[in-house]
Amino acid sequence: MNLFQLILESLGSIKSNKLRVFLSSAIISIGISSLVGILTSIDGIKSSVTDSFSNLGSNIYTIESSRGDRGRNRGVKKKNNPPLKYREIKMFLNKYNGIGLVSVNTWVTGTAELKYKSTTTNPNISVAAGDINYLKVKNFNLKSGRNFTDIESNNGINVGILGSKIKEKLFGENENPINKIIKARGVNIRIIGILEEEGSSFGRSIDDRMIIPLETGRRLRPSSNFEIEIKVSNPAELENDMGISSKVMSIIRQDPIGSEKSFDVLRNESLEEELSEITLYLKIGGFTIAFITLLGASIGLMNIMLVSVTERTREIGIRKSIGATPQDIKNQFLTEAILICQFGGFGGVILGLIFGMTVTSFMGGTFVIPWLWILVGIVLSTIVGIISGFIPANKASNLDPIESLRYE
């Protein structure tokens, strides 16, 4: 019996048990869709975040407080280092002798509510504080207006630069916001600039932000954690400049020679490595969920196929009596199991793509057709079919034709 005849025979048997086949395929679809959907979402979001890192430039690195990871590592208690203090950062600015452009910034809040006359934004506006180099280091461009002056930055004047979405929300398309006064948590802020539109990243629009001078941010939030960002014009000099900055900060922080540093020096590649590590764990979780679901589906399908062998015992006896070999019988049952799993596999791939596309769009990522995960889903469904169908097919092929013909 050739492959085409096997498929036709198997489809005929599948049609006679539509409900049973549907339920088996549905379980397999859930497993495959969870695999394809989760992994597609992860890849799409990772692609979006990686693009955001790339937009920051490969010639930028950050000096920030080390993460206070408590706990133990191989029996050794991790050290909880104090955050960078503002006076230490000021000392760094005076002692830094590298070639980069240095900017100091801090995160003020992510839940600000801005008001202009009778118009009020939602309480989800991000407010960052930076010095006069902040826009250059971050690669932000002004659509209109100007940057902070030294006086405004050093004296904490209440001025601000708005993202494009905030400008549209508060002022509309026609009104010029420059030199207009808005309120943020009861504080009057004079608008001096508007940023060009940047787009979204990780589910949140980065145009929903306001930038204020560093000293203004310190006054509004005295407990701020500060970080230093340094942009080096020549990427080839980046590693050397990172070494210079690390030595300067180690001296300021009085870190003993040869000991672990009490601060972190990170470049974009380091952030991408951390992101890759996180997404690896997420992918392992996706595979685990899919494996458990497919394991249950394979057991259910195997049980259905064993029941099918029992129900079709007399049919098997007739086939063998007219010349069908044990191998023909085994191939037919294996083909049926594989086809059932393929129906579930293709359904799961479609559901997974829809799920992945929805999640990626919601999170602000870039949807990419996951050809690898589609192939993995189809291959996995085929493997499940082979595993689930092997024992029933082997049992059917070993039935005695005489005893099978007597079966009622």
Foldseek 3Di string as FASTA:
>chain_A
DDPVVLLVVLVVVCVVVVVLLVVLLQLLLVLLLLQLQLLLQLVQQLQQVLVLLVLLPQQKKKWWFDDQDADDDPNHTDDGFDTDDPVLVVLLVVPQDDQWDKKKKFWQDQQKWKFDDPFIDGRGFTEMAIAQCVCVSRVWDFPDFDTDDNCCQVVVDQEKEAFPVVCCRHPNDPDDQAQGWMDIPRDTYGYGTYIDADADHQQGGPSRYMYGHRVNSCVSPVPITMMMMIGHPDSVCRVVSLVSSQVSSCVSVVPDPPDDDRIDMGGSVRVSVVSVVVSVVSSVVSNVSSVVSLVVSLVSLLVVLLVVLLVCLQVLLVCVVVPDALVNQLSSLLSSLLVSLQSSLVSSNVSSLVSSVVSSVNRRGGRDPPPVSSVVSSVVSNVSSNSSRNVSSNVSSPDDSVVSNVRD
